[in-house]
N, C-alpha and C. Protein backbone atom coordinates (compact mmCIF):
# COMPACT_ATOMS: atom_id res chain seq x y z
N MET A 1 82.13 116.94 98.46
CA MET A 1 82.78 116.90 97.16
C MET A 1 82.00 115.94 96.27
N SER A 2 81.63 116.38 95.09
CA SER A 2 80.88 115.51 94.18
C SER A 2 81.83 114.52 93.51
N GLU A 3 81.24 113.51 92.88
CA GLU A 3 82.04 112.45 92.24
C GLU A 3 82.99 113.03 91.19
N ASP A 4 82.56 114.05 90.44
CA ASP A 4 83.43 114.61 89.41
C ASP A 4 84.54 115.48 89.99
N GLU A 5 84.50 115.79 91.28
CA GLU A 5 85.56 116.56 91.92
C GLU A 5 86.63 115.68 92.54
N ARG A 6 86.37 114.37 92.66
CA ARG A 6 87.34 113.45 93.26
C ARG A 6 88.53 113.28 92.33
N PRO A 7 89.71 113.01 92.90
CA PRO A 7 90.87 112.72 92.06
C PRO A 7 90.59 111.56 91.12
N LEU A 8 91.19 111.62 89.94
CA LEU A 8 90.91 110.63 88.91
C LEU A 8 91.50 109.26 89.23
N GLU A 9 92.67 109.23 89.85
CA GLU A 9 93.36 107.98 90.11
C GLU A 9 93.36 107.69 91.61
N ARG A 10 93.44 106.42 91.96
CA ARG A 10 93.40 106.02 93.36
C ARG A 10 94.68 106.39 94.09
N ALA A 11 95.84 106.03 93.56
CA ALA A 11 97.09 106.25 94.30
C ALA A 11 98.23 106.56 93.35
N THR A 12 99.24 107.21 93.89
CA THR A 12 100.50 107.40 93.19
C THR A 12 101.60 106.85 94.08
N GLN A 13 102.61 106.29 93.47
CA GLN A 13 103.72 105.70 94.21
C GLN A 13 104.84 106.74 94.33
N LEU A 14 105.20 107.05 95.54
CA LEU A 14 106.27 108.01 95.81
C LEU A 14 107.62 107.35 95.53
N ASN A 15 108.51 108.08 94.88
CA ASN A 15 109.86 107.60 94.64
C ASN A 15 110.83 108.72 94.99
N ALA A 16 112.12 108.48 94.82
CA ALA A 16 113.12 109.47 95.23
C ALA A 16 112.92 110.81 94.51
N ARG A 17 112.54 110.79 93.24
CA ARG A 17 112.34 112.03 92.49
C ARG A 17 111.11 112.79 92.98
N THR A 18 109.97 112.09 93.08
CA THR A 18 108.73 112.79 93.46
C THR A 18 108.75 113.18 94.94
N LEU A 19 109.52 112.46 95.75
CA LEU A 19 109.65 112.82 97.16
C LEU A 19 110.20 114.23 97.31
N ARG A 20 111.16 114.60 96.48
CA ARG A 20 111.73 115.95 96.55
C ARG A 20 110.67 117.01 96.23
N GLY A 21 109.73 116.68 95.38
CA GLY A 21 108.67 117.62 95.04
C GLY A 21 107.60 117.75 96.11
N LEU A 22 107.51 116.75 96.97
CA LEU A 22 106.45 116.75 97.98
C LEU A 22 106.95 117.10 99.37
N ALA A 23 108.25 117.01 99.59
CA ALA A 23 108.81 117.19 100.94
C ALA A 23 108.90 118.67 101.32
N HIS A 24 107.76 119.32 101.34
CA HIS A 24 107.66 120.72 101.77
C HIS A 24 106.34 120.88 102.51
N PRO A 25 106.35 121.45 103.71
CA PRO A 25 105.11 121.53 104.51
C PRO A 25 103.92 122.17 103.79
N LEU A 26 104.16 123.26 103.08
CA LEU A 26 103.05 123.94 102.42
C LEU A 26 102.50 123.10 101.26
N ARG A 27 103.37 122.42 100.54
CA ARG A 27 102.90 121.57 99.45
C ARG A 27 102.05 120.42 99.98
N LEU A 28 102.46 119.85 101.10
CA LEU A 28 101.66 118.79 101.70
C LEU A 28 100.28 119.30 102.12
N GLU A 29 100.24 120.50 102.68
CA GLU A 29 98.95 121.09 103.07
C GLU A 29 98.07 121.34 101.85
N ILE A 30 98.67 121.91 100.80
CA ILE A 30 97.92 122.20 99.58
C ILE A 30 97.37 120.92 98.98
N LEU A 31 98.21 119.90 98.85
CA LEU A 31 97.77 118.64 98.28
C LEU A 31 96.66 118.02 99.14
N GLY A 32 96.81 118.08 100.45
CA GLY A 32 95.78 117.56 101.34
C GLY A 32 94.44 118.26 101.15
N LEU A 33 94.47 119.58 101.00
CA LEU A 33 93.21 120.33 100.79
C LEU A 33 92.58 119.98 99.45
N LEU A 34 93.38 119.85 98.40
CA LEU A 34 92.82 119.50 97.09
C LEU A 34 92.23 118.09 97.11
N ARG A 35 92.85 117.19 97.85
CA ARG A 35 92.31 115.82 97.94
C ARG A 35 91.05 115.79 98.78
N ALA A 36 91.00 116.53 99.85
CA ALA A 36 89.86 116.48 100.77
C ALA A 36 88.68 117.32 100.29
N ASP A 37 88.95 118.49 99.75
CA ASP A 37 87.87 119.44 99.46
C ASP A 37 87.63 119.68 97.97
N GLY A 38 88.45 119.12 97.12
CA GLY A 38 88.25 119.28 95.68
C GLY A 38 89.01 120.45 95.10
N PRO A 39 88.78 120.73 93.82
CA PRO A 39 89.53 121.75 93.09
C PRO A 39 89.48 123.13 93.75
N ALA A 40 90.57 123.88 93.54
CA ALA A 40 90.67 125.23 94.11
C ALA A 40 91.64 126.05 93.27
N THR A 41 91.59 127.37 93.50
CA THR A 41 92.52 128.29 92.85
C THR A 41 93.65 128.64 93.82
N ALA A 42 94.71 129.21 93.28
CA ALA A 42 95.82 129.65 94.13
C ALA A 42 95.35 130.69 95.14
N SER A 43 94.50 131.61 94.72
CA SER A 43 94.04 132.64 95.65
C SER A 43 93.12 132.06 96.72
N GLY A 44 92.27 131.11 96.37
CA GLY A 44 91.41 130.46 97.36
C GLY A 44 92.22 129.69 98.39
N LEU A 45 93.25 128.97 97.92
CA LEU A 45 94.12 128.24 98.84
C LEU A 45 94.93 129.21 99.70
N ALA A 46 95.39 130.30 99.11
CA ALA A 46 96.16 131.29 99.86
C ALA A 46 95.35 131.85 101.03
N GLU A 47 94.10 132.14 100.77
CA GLU A 47 93.23 132.68 101.82
C GLU A 47 93.05 131.66 102.95
N ARG A 48 92.85 130.41 102.60
CA ARG A 48 92.65 129.37 103.62
C ARG A 48 93.91 129.11 104.43
N LEU A 49 95.08 129.25 103.79
CA LEU A 49 96.34 128.90 104.43
C LEU A 49 97.09 130.09 105.01
N GLY A 50 96.55 131.29 104.82
CA GLY A 50 97.23 132.49 105.33
C GLY A 50 98.53 132.79 104.60
N GLU A 51 98.56 132.50 103.31
CA GLU A 51 99.74 132.71 102.46
C GLU A 51 99.38 133.70 101.36
N SER A 52 100.39 134.15 100.62
CA SER A 52 100.12 134.98 99.45
C SER A 52 99.75 134.08 98.27
N SER A 53 98.96 134.62 97.34
CA SER A 53 98.58 133.81 96.18
C SER A 53 99.80 133.51 95.31
N GLY A 54 100.81 134.37 95.33
CA GLY A 54 102.05 134.09 94.60
C GLY A 54 102.76 132.87 95.14
N THR A 55 102.78 132.75 96.47
CA THR A 55 103.42 131.59 97.10
C THR A 55 102.66 130.31 96.78
N THR A 56 101.33 130.33 96.95
CA THR A 56 100.57 129.12 96.67
C THR A 56 100.62 128.77 95.19
N SER A 57 100.63 129.78 94.33
CA SER A 57 100.73 129.53 92.89
C SER A 57 102.03 128.82 92.54
N TRP A 58 103.13 129.27 93.14
CA TRP A 58 104.43 128.64 92.88
C TRP A 58 104.43 127.18 93.35
N HIS A 59 103.88 126.93 94.54
CA HIS A 59 103.85 125.57 95.05
C HIS A 59 102.89 124.69 94.24
N LEU A 60 101.80 125.25 93.75
CA LEU A 60 100.91 124.49 92.87
C LEU A 60 101.63 124.06 91.60
N ARG A 61 102.42 124.96 91.02
CA ARG A 61 103.18 124.60 89.81
C ARG A 61 104.20 123.50 90.11
N GLN A 62 104.81 123.54 91.29
CA GLN A 62 105.75 122.49 91.68
C GLN A 62 105.03 121.15 91.84
N LEU A 63 103.88 121.16 92.49
CA LEU A 63 103.12 119.92 92.64
C LEU A 63 102.70 119.36 91.28
N ALA A 64 102.36 120.25 90.34
CA ALA A 64 101.99 119.80 88.99
C ALA A 64 103.20 119.23 88.27
N GLU A 65 104.35 119.86 88.42
CA GLU A 65 105.58 119.39 87.76
C GLU A 65 105.93 117.96 88.19
N TYR A 66 105.67 117.64 89.45
CA TYR A 66 105.98 116.31 89.96
C TYR A 66 104.82 115.32 89.81
N GLY A 67 103.71 115.76 89.19
CA GLY A 67 102.62 114.85 88.85
C GLY A 67 101.57 114.62 89.93
N PHE A 68 101.57 115.43 90.98
CA PHE A 68 100.60 115.25 92.05
C PHE A 68 99.26 115.92 91.76
N ILE A 69 99.28 117.02 91.02
CA ILE A 69 98.06 117.75 90.70
C ILE A 69 98.08 118.12 89.22
N GLU A 70 96.95 118.64 88.76
CA GLU A 70 96.84 119.11 87.38
C GLU A 70 95.80 120.22 87.32
N GLU A 71 95.85 120.98 86.23
CA GLU A 71 94.82 121.99 86.05
C GLU A 71 93.49 121.29 85.80
N ASP A 72 92.41 121.90 86.29
CA ASP A 72 91.08 121.35 86.11
C ASP A 72 90.49 122.00 84.85
N PRO A 73 90.37 121.24 83.76
CA PRO A 73 89.91 121.83 82.50
C PRO A 73 88.44 122.26 82.51
N ALA A 74 87.67 121.76 83.46
CA ALA A 74 86.25 122.09 83.52
C ALA A 74 85.97 123.41 84.23
N ARG A 75 87.00 124.01 84.81
CA ARG A 75 86.80 125.25 85.59
C ARG A 75 87.80 126.31 85.16
N GLY A 76 87.43 127.54 85.43
CA GLY A 76 88.35 128.66 85.33
C GLY A 76 88.67 129.11 83.92
N SER A 77 89.64 130.00 83.88
CA SER A 77 90.10 130.59 82.63
C SER A 77 91.61 130.77 82.73
N ARG A 78 92.19 131.36 81.72
CA ARG A 78 93.65 131.58 81.74
C ARG A 78 94.05 132.43 82.95
N ARG A 79 93.21 133.37 83.33
CA ARG A 79 93.50 134.25 84.45
C ARG A 79 93.14 133.61 85.79
N ASP A 80 92.16 132.74 85.78
CA ASP A 80 91.64 132.12 87.00
C ASP A 80 91.84 130.61 86.89
N ARG A 81 93.04 130.13 87.21
CA ARG A 81 93.38 128.72 87.05
C ARG A 81 92.93 127.90 88.25
N TRP A 82 92.22 126.81 87.98
CA TRP A 82 91.78 125.88 89.00
C TRP A 82 92.66 124.64 88.94
N TRP A 83 92.96 124.09 90.11
CA TRP A 83 93.81 122.92 90.22
C TRP A 83 93.08 121.81 90.94
N ARG A 84 93.39 120.57 90.58
CA ARG A 84 92.80 119.41 91.25
C ARG A 84 93.87 118.35 91.50
N ALA A 85 93.65 117.55 92.53
CA ALA A 85 94.56 116.44 92.83
C ALA A 85 94.38 115.36 91.76
N ARG A 86 95.47 114.70 91.41
CA ARG A 86 95.39 113.60 90.44
C ARG A 86 95.12 112.27 91.12
N HIS A 87 95.44 112.14 92.41
CA HIS A 87 95.35 110.86 93.11
C HIS A 87 94.65 111.05 94.45
N GLN A 88 93.99 110.01 94.92
CA GLN A 88 93.33 110.07 96.22
C GLN A 88 94.35 110.02 97.37
N PHE A 89 95.45 109.30 97.18
CA PHE A 89 96.47 109.24 98.21
C PHE A 89 97.82 108.88 97.61
N THR A 90 98.86 109.03 98.42
CA THR A 90 100.23 108.73 98.02
C THR A 90 100.69 107.49 98.78
N ASP A 91 101.23 106.54 98.05
CA ASP A 91 101.72 105.31 98.65
C ASP A 91 103.24 105.31 98.56
N PHE A 92 103.90 104.71 99.53
CA PHE A 92 105.36 104.64 99.49
C PHE A 92 105.87 103.57 100.42
N GLU A 93 107.05 103.06 100.10
CA GLU A 93 107.76 102.10 100.94
C GLU A 93 108.88 102.85 101.64
N VAL A 94 108.71 103.12 102.92
CA VAL A 94 109.69 103.89 103.68
C VAL A 94 111.07 103.24 103.59
N GLY A 95 111.14 101.94 103.76
CA GLY A 95 112.42 101.24 103.74
C GLY A 95 113.18 101.44 102.44
N ASP A 96 112.47 101.37 101.31
CA ASP A 96 113.13 101.56 100.01
C ASP A 96 113.73 102.96 99.90
N LEU A 97 112.98 103.95 100.35
CA LEU A 97 113.46 105.33 100.24
C LEU A 97 114.58 105.62 101.24
N LEU A 98 114.53 105.01 102.41
CA LEU A 98 115.60 105.23 103.39
C LEU A 98 116.91 104.57 102.97
N GLU A 99 116.83 103.53 102.13
CA GLU A 99 118.04 102.89 101.63
C GLU A 99 118.73 103.71 100.56
N ASP A 100 118.03 104.66 99.98
CA ASP A 100 118.60 105.52 98.94
C ASP A 100 119.21 106.75 99.60
N PRO A 101 120.56 106.87 99.61
CA PRO A 101 121.19 108.02 100.29
C PRO A 101 120.69 109.37 99.78
N ALA A 102 120.35 109.44 98.49
CA ALA A 102 119.87 110.71 97.93
C ALA A 102 118.49 111.08 98.44
N ALA A 103 117.71 110.10 98.88
CA ALA A 103 116.34 110.36 99.33
C ALA A 103 116.21 110.40 100.84
N ARG A 104 117.23 109.94 101.57
CA ARG A 104 117.11 109.77 103.01
C ARG A 104 116.74 111.07 103.74
N GLY A 105 117.42 112.16 103.45
CA GLY A 105 117.12 113.43 104.13
C GLY A 105 115.72 113.94 103.84
N ALA A 106 115.33 113.87 102.56
CA ALA A 106 113.99 114.32 102.19
C ALA A 106 112.92 113.43 102.81
N MET A 107 113.21 112.13 102.91
CA MET A 107 112.25 111.21 103.51
C MET A 107 112.05 111.53 104.99
N GLY A 108 113.14 111.83 105.70
CA GLY A 108 113.02 112.20 107.11
C GLY A 108 112.18 113.45 107.29
N ALA A 109 112.43 114.47 106.46
CA ALA A 109 111.65 115.72 106.54
C ALA A 109 110.18 115.46 106.21
N PHE A 110 109.95 114.65 105.20
CA PHE A 110 108.59 114.30 104.78
C PHE A 110 107.84 113.60 105.91
N LEU A 111 108.46 112.58 106.52
CA LEU A 111 107.80 111.82 107.57
C LEU A 111 107.53 112.68 108.81
N HIS A 112 108.47 113.56 109.16
CA HIS A 112 108.23 114.45 110.30
C HIS A 112 107.03 115.36 110.03
N GLU A 113 106.91 115.85 108.81
CA GLU A 113 105.79 116.72 108.48
C GLU A 113 104.48 115.93 108.49
N ILE A 114 104.50 114.70 108.02
CA ILE A 114 103.29 113.86 108.03
C ILE A 114 102.82 113.65 109.48
N VAL A 115 103.75 113.33 110.37
CA VAL A 115 103.39 113.14 111.78
C VAL A 115 102.82 114.43 112.36
N ASP A 116 103.39 115.57 111.99
CA ASP A 116 102.89 116.86 112.46
C ASP A 116 101.47 117.11 111.94
N ILE A 117 101.21 116.75 110.69
CA ILE A 117 99.87 116.89 110.13
C ILE A 117 98.88 116.03 110.90
N TYR A 118 99.26 114.77 111.19
CA TYR A 118 98.38 113.89 111.96
C TYR A 118 98.08 114.52 113.33
N TYR A 119 99.10 115.05 113.97
CA TYR A 119 98.92 115.70 115.28
C TYR A 119 97.94 116.87 115.18
N ARG A 120 98.13 117.72 114.16
CA ARG A 120 97.26 118.89 114.01
C ARG A 120 95.81 118.48 113.76
N LYS A 121 95.60 117.44 112.97
CA LYS A 121 94.24 116.98 112.71
C LYS A 121 93.58 116.49 114.00
N ALA A 122 94.30 115.71 114.78
CA ALA A 122 93.74 115.19 116.04
C ALA A 122 93.47 116.30 117.03
N THR A 123 94.40 117.25 117.17
CA THR A 123 94.19 118.33 118.14
C THR A 123 93.08 119.27 117.68
N GLN A 124 92.92 119.44 116.38
CA GLN A 124 91.81 120.26 115.90
C GLN A 124 90.48 119.61 116.29
N TYR A 125 90.39 118.29 116.09
CA TYR A 125 89.16 117.59 116.48
C TYR A 125 88.91 117.74 117.98
N VAL A 126 89.92 117.54 118.80
CA VAL A 126 89.76 117.64 120.25
C VAL A 126 89.30 119.04 120.64
N GLY A 127 89.88 120.06 119.99
CA GLY A 127 89.48 121.44 120.29
C GLY A 127 88.06 121.76 119.89
N GLU A 128 87.54 121.08 118.86
CA GLU A 128 86.19 121.33 118.37
C GLU A 128 85.17 120.30 118.88
N MET A 129 85.62 119.34 119.67
CA MET A 129 84.78 118.20 120.05
C MET A 129 83.43 118.62 120.62
N ALA A 130 83.42 119.62 121.45
CA ALA A 130 82.16 120.04 122.08
C ALA A 130 81.13 120.55 121.08
N SER A 131 81.56 120.92 119.89
CA SER A 131 80.63 121.44 118.88
C SER A 131 80.01 120.33 118.03
N TRP A 132 80.48 119.09 118.19
CA TRP A 132 79.94 117.98 117.40
C TRP A 132 78.74 117.36 118.11
N PRO A 133 77.76 116.87 117.33
CA PRO A 133 76.63 116.14 117.95
C PRO A 133 77.13 114.90 118.68
N ARG A 134 76.39 114.48 119.67
CA ARG A 134 76.79 113.35 120.52
C ARG A 134 77.08 112.09 119.71
N GLU A 135 76.29 111.82 118.67
CA GLU A 135 76.51 110.58 117.91
C GLU A 135 77.88 110.55 117.23
N TRP A 136 78.40 111.73 116.83
CA TRP A 136 79.75 111.78 116.24
C TRP A 136 80.81 111.61 117.32
N ILE A 137 80.58 112.18 118.48
CA ILE A 137 81.54 112.02 119.58
C ILE A 137 81.62 110.56 119.99
N ASP A 138 80.47 109.89 120.09
CA ASP A 138 80.45 108.48 120.46
C ASP A 138 81.06 107.59 119.38
N ALA A 139 80.94 107.98 118.12
CA ALA A 139 81.47 107.17 117.02
C ALA A 139 82.98 107.32 116.85
N ALA A 140 83.52 108.45 117.26
CA ALA A 140 84.95 108.71 117.07
C ALA A 140 85.80 107.94 118.07
N ALA A 141 87.08 107.83 117.77
CA ALA A 141 88.01 107.12 118.67
C ALA A 141 89.37 107.79 118.67
N LEU A 142 89.91 107.97 119.85
CA LEU A 142 91.30 108.39 120.03
C LEU A 142 91.88 107.39 121.03
N SER A 143 92.56 106.39 120.54
CA SER A 143 93.02 105.34 121.43
C SER A 143 94.34 104.75 120.94
N ASP A 144 94.93 103.96 121.79
CA ASP A 144 96.11 103.20 121.39
C ASP A 144 96.08 101.86 122.11
N ARG A 145 96.89 100.94 121.63
CA ARG A 145 96.94 99.61 122.22
C ARG A 145 98.36 99.07 122.03
N LEU A 146 98.95 98.64 123.10
CA LEU A 146 100.28 98.04 123.03
C LEU A 146 100.11 96.55 122.76
N MET A 147 100.79 96.07 121.73
CA MET A 147 100.69 94.66 121.33
C MET A 147 102.09 94.08 121.19
N TRP A 148 102.17 92.77 121.25
CA TRP A 148 103.43 92.07 121.05
C TRP A 148 103.30 91.28 119.75
N LEU A 149 104.06 91.70 118.72
CA LEU A 149 103.94 91.10 117.38
C LEU A 149 105.31 90.86 116.77
N THR A 150 105.33 90.03 115.74
CA THR A 150 106.52 89.87 114.90
C THR A 150 106.37 90.82 113.71
N PRO A 151 107.45 91.08 112.96
CA PRO A 151 107.30 91.91 111.75
C PRO A 151 106.26 91.35 110.78
N ASP A 152 106.21 90.03 110.62
CA ASP A 152 105.21 89.44 109.71
C ASP A 152 103.79 89.70 110.21
N GLU A 153 103.58 89.60 111.51
CA GLU A 153 102.25 89.85 112.06
C GLU A 153 101.85 91.31 111.92
N LEU A 154 102.81 92.22 112.12
CA LEU A 154 102.50 93.64 111.95
C LEU A 154 102.17 93.95 110.49
N THR A 155 102.89 93.33 109.56
CA THR A 155 102.60 93.50 108.13
C THR A 155 101.18 93.02 107.83
N ALA A 156 100.81 91.86 108.36
CA ALA A 156 99.47 91.31 108.14
C ALA A 156 98.40 92.20 108.76
N LEU A 157 98.65 92.69 109.97
CA LEU A 157 97.69 93.58 110.65
C LEU A 157 97.43 94.82 109.80
N ASN A 158 98.49 95.46 109.32
CA ASN A 158 98.32 96.66 108.50
C ASN A 158 97.58 96.36 107.21
N ALA A 159 97.85 95.21 106.58
CA ALA A 159 97.16 94.83 105.35
C ALA A 159 95.66 94.64 105.61
N GLU A 160 95.33 94.01 106.74
CA GLU A 160 93.92 93.82 107.08
C GLU A 160 93.22 95.14 107.37
N LEU A 161 93.90 96.06 108.05
CA LEU A 161 93.32 97.38 108.30
C LEU A 161 93.04 98.11 106.99
N GLU A 162 93.95 98.02 106.04
CA GLU A 162 93.74 98.63 104.72
C GLU A 162 92.52 98.03 104.03
N GLN A 163 92.34 96.71 104.14
CA GLN A 163 91.18 96.05 103.54
C GLN A 163 89.88 96.52 104.18
N VAL A 164 89.89 96.72 105.48
CA VAL A 164 88.70 97.24 106.16
C VAL A 164 88.36 98.63 105.64
N LEU A 165 89.38 99.50 105.53
CA LEU A 165 89.14 100.84 105.00
C LEU A 165 88.60 100.78 103.58
N ASP A 166 89.15 99.89 102.76
CA ASP A 166 88.68 99.74 101.38
C ASP A 166 87.21 99.35 101.33
N ARG A 167 86.77 98.51 102.27
CA ARG A 167 85.35 98.09 102.29
C ARG A 167 84.42 99.27 102.57
N TYR A 168 84.86 100.24 103.36
CA TYR A 168 84.01 101.36 103.73
C TYR A 168 84.13 102.55 102.78
N GLU A 169 85.15 102.57 101.95
CA GLU A 169 85.34 103.70 101.04
C GLU A 169 84.31 103.66 99.91
N ARG A 170 83.70 104.81 99.65
CA ARG A 170 82.69 104.93 98.61
C ARG A 170 82.57 106.40 98.23
N PRO A 171 81.90 106.70 97.14
CA PRO A 171 81.66 108.11 96.80
C PRO A 171 80.79 108.78 97.86
N ARG A 172 80.95 110.07 97.97
CA ARG A 172 80.18 110.84 98.94
C ARG A 172 78.70 110.81 98.60
N ARG A 173 77.87 110.71 99.65
CA ARG A 173 76.42 110.75 99.50
C ARG A 173 75.87 111.90 100.32
N GLU A 174 74.65 112.28 100.02
CA GLU A 174 73.97 113.34 100.77
C GLU A 174 73.95 112.96 102.24
N GLY A 175 74.30 113.90 103.11
CA GLY A 175 74.28 113.67 104.54
C GLY A 175 75.59 113.15 105.12
N ASP A 176 76.55 112.82 104.26
CA ASP A 176 77.85 112.34 104.75
C ASP A 176 78.66 113.47 105.36
N THR A 177 79.55 113.12 106.25
CA THR A 177 80.55 114.03 106.81
C THR A 177 81.91 113.41 106.54
N SER A 178 82.89 114.22 106.18
CA SER A 178 84.22 113.65 105.94
C SER A 178 84.80 113.18 107.27
N VAL A 179 85.46 112.05 107.24
CA VAL A 179 86.03 111.43 108.43
C VAL A 179 87.50 111.17 108.19
N VAL A 180 88.34 111.55 109.14
CA VAL A 180 89.77 111.28 109.07
C VAL A 180 90.02 109.93 109.73
N THR A 181 90.66 109.03 109.02
CA THR A 181 91.10 107.77 109.62
C THR A 181 92.61 107.77 109.58
N GLN A 182 93.21 107.65 110.72
CA GLN A 182 94.67 107.59 110.78
C GLN A 182 95.06 106.63 111.87
N TRP A 183 96.07 105.86 111.61
CA TRP A 183 96.59 104.98 112.64
C TRP A 183 98.09 104.89 112.45
N GLN A 184 98.75 104.61 113.51
CA GLN A 184 100.19 104.38 113.48
C GLN A 184 100.44 103.02 114.08
N SER A 185 101.33 102.27 113.49
CA SER A 185 101.72 100.98 114.05
C SER A 185 103.22 100.84 113.81
N PHE A 186 103.96 100.86 114.90
CA PHE A 186 105.42 100.82 114.78
C PHE A 186 106.02 100.20 116.03
N PRO A 187 107.23 99.66 115.90
CA PRO A 187 107.86 99.07 117.08
C PRO A 187 108.34 100.15 118.04
N ARG A 188 108.43 99.79 119.30
CA ARG A 188 108.98 100.71 120.31
C ARG A 188 110.01 99.96 121.11
N ARG A 189 111.01 100.69 121.53
CA ARG A 189 112.04 100.10 122.38
C ARG A 189 111.60 100.18 123.83
N SER A 190 111.71 99.08 124.54
CA SER A 190 111.40 99.10 125.98
C SER A 190 112.60 99.64 126.74
N LYS A 191 112.39 99.98 127.97
CA LYS A 191 113.50 100.49 128.81
C LYS A 191 114.65 99.47 128.86
N LYS A 192 114.32 98.18 128.90
CA LYS A 192 115.36 97.15 128.94
C LYS A 192 116.22 97.18 127.68
N GLU A 193 115.57 97.37 126.51
CA GLU A 193 116.30 97.37 125.23
C GLU A 193 117.16 98.62 125.09
N GLU A 194 116.74 99.74 125.70
CA GLU A 194 117.52 100.98 125.61
C GLU A 194 118.79 100.91 126.43
N ALA A 195 118.80 100.12 127.48
CA ALA A 195 119.96 100.05 128.39
C ALA A 195 121.14 99.33 127.76
């Protein structure tokens, strides 16, 4: 994706209103593709997702209504509309949204779909692993680590991980490959605590 195809803004803050516009599996997939691969048409997205262009067109209009995407004025025509993501990523405070009774159900559906997307990305990589050159296989990581932390320490750890990612983020250059970085950090109940 060239620099002019990247979303214009770095992040958007999810709130109870915009959550309702995003809490749909197909919309999340469409937004993810526009962010990762750049502008596309409803028919191009439909082909990639195995959907009808009418369905993707409707979901594109919904994403635009909630401010996640916009028409790309540099491409297309009235008949051939191109869409682009407005933001590189979506930021949100889970706790704030879970405290809002009107947003709680949508937030649960949204988070379950996000976890499913993470799972699909990891399993796709594992399924294709043998087709990657050795240097990419050696550079990649699928791991976990059990740690003992306080909420303040976990907050600090996540902030530091975000800073590391920010240091490596840059515009695409010739020879680059897109890389998925995902991590989860959350408390778990031990068998003793469950009893």
